[in-house]
Amino acid sequence: MTRPVPQPPQQRLFSRRRVERTALALIGLGLLMMAQPFFMVLFTYSLLVTLIGTVGFALSNYLPE
């Protein structure tokens, strides 16, 4: 008799680690967009990007590991 070969665990699209990292990257990007003095369009969307990152980070607590 042969043993079945164990399969690697499947990667989830919305795993907690991936969503947390993406949300933290968005928060950092939003802060950089807010602090730069050169392009008004980046400053205009910086609060939106930061808020999306913050909401994503808060919602990541409800995702499975």
Protein backbone atom coordinates (compact mmCIF):
# COMPACT_ATOMS: atom_id res chain seq x y z
CA MET A 1 0.00 0.00 0.00
CA THR A 2 1.18 3.48 -0.76
CA ARG A 3 0.56 6.58 1.28
CA PRO A 4 -1.25 9.49 -0.30
CA VAL A 5 0.94 12.47 -1.02
CA PRO A 6 -0.01 15.42 1.24
CA GLN A 7 -1.21 18.45 -0.66
CA PRO A 8 0.06 21.94 0.25
CA PRO A 9 -2.56 24.22 1.79
CA GLN A 10 -4.34 26.42 -0.70
CA GLN A 11 -3.70 30.14 -0.59
CA ARG A 12 -6.81 32.16 0.15
CA LEU A 13 -7.35 35.34 -1.79
CA PHE A 14 -8.48 37.20 1.34
CA SER A 15 -6.24 35.75 4.03
CA ARG A 16 -5.67 37.87 7.11
CA ARG A 17 -1.94 38.33 6.50
CA ARG A 18 -2.39 39.45 2.90
CA VAL A 19 -5.18 41.92 3.73
CA GLU A 20 -3.24 43.35 6.70
CA ARG A 21 -0.12 43.90 4.61
CA THR A 22 -2.09 45.52 1.80
CA ALA A 23 -3.94 47.75 4.26
CA LEU A 24 -0.71 48.84 5.95
CA ALA A 25 0.82 49.58 2.55
CA LEU A 26 -2.21 51.72 1.66
CA ILE A 27 -1.99 53.61 4.95
CA GLY A 28 1.70 54.30 4.35
CA LEU A 29 1.07 55.32 0.76
CA GLY A 30 -1.71 57.67 1.85
CA LEU A 31 0.55 59.31 4.42
CA LEU A 32 3.30 59.75 1.83
CA MET A 33 0.78 61.23 -0.60
CA MET A 34 -0.37 63.63 2.10
CA ALA A 35 3.14 64.78 3.00
CA GLN A 36 4.50 65.44 -0.47
CA PRO A 37 4.33 69.06 -1.66
CA PHE A 38 4.56 68.63 -5.45
CA PHE A 39 1.33 67.18 -6.89
CA MET A 40 -2.05 68.43 -5.75
CA VAL A 41 -3.87 65.41 -7.20
CA LEU A 42 -1.91 63.09 -4.91
CA PHE A 43 -2.75 65.26 -1.92
CA THR A 44 -6.40 65.29 -2.99
CA TYR A 45 -6.72 61.49 -2.88
CA SER A 46 -4.43 60.91 0.11
CA LEU A 47 -7.20 60.95 2.71
CA LEU A 48 -9.29 58.50 0.68
CA VAL A 49 -6.36 56.09 0.32
CA THR A 50 -5.56 56.35 4.03
CA LEU A 51 -9.19 55.73 5.00
CA ILE A 52 -9.47 52.69 2.72
CA GLY A 53 -6.33 51.27 4.30
CA THR A 54 -7.65 51.91 7.80
CA VAL A 55 -11.00 50.26 7.09
CA GLY A 56 -9.22 47.32 5.45
CA PHE A 57 -6.98 46.90 8.47
CA ALA A 58 -9.96 47.01 10.83
CA LEU A 59 -11.88 44.46 8.76
CA SER A 60 -8.89 42.12 8.51
CA ASN A 61 -9.48 41.09 12.13
CA TYR A 62 -12.60 39.24 11.02
CA LEU A 63 -10.83 37.12 8.39
CA PRO A 64 -9.49 33.63 9.09
CA GLU A 65 -5.76 33.08 9.48
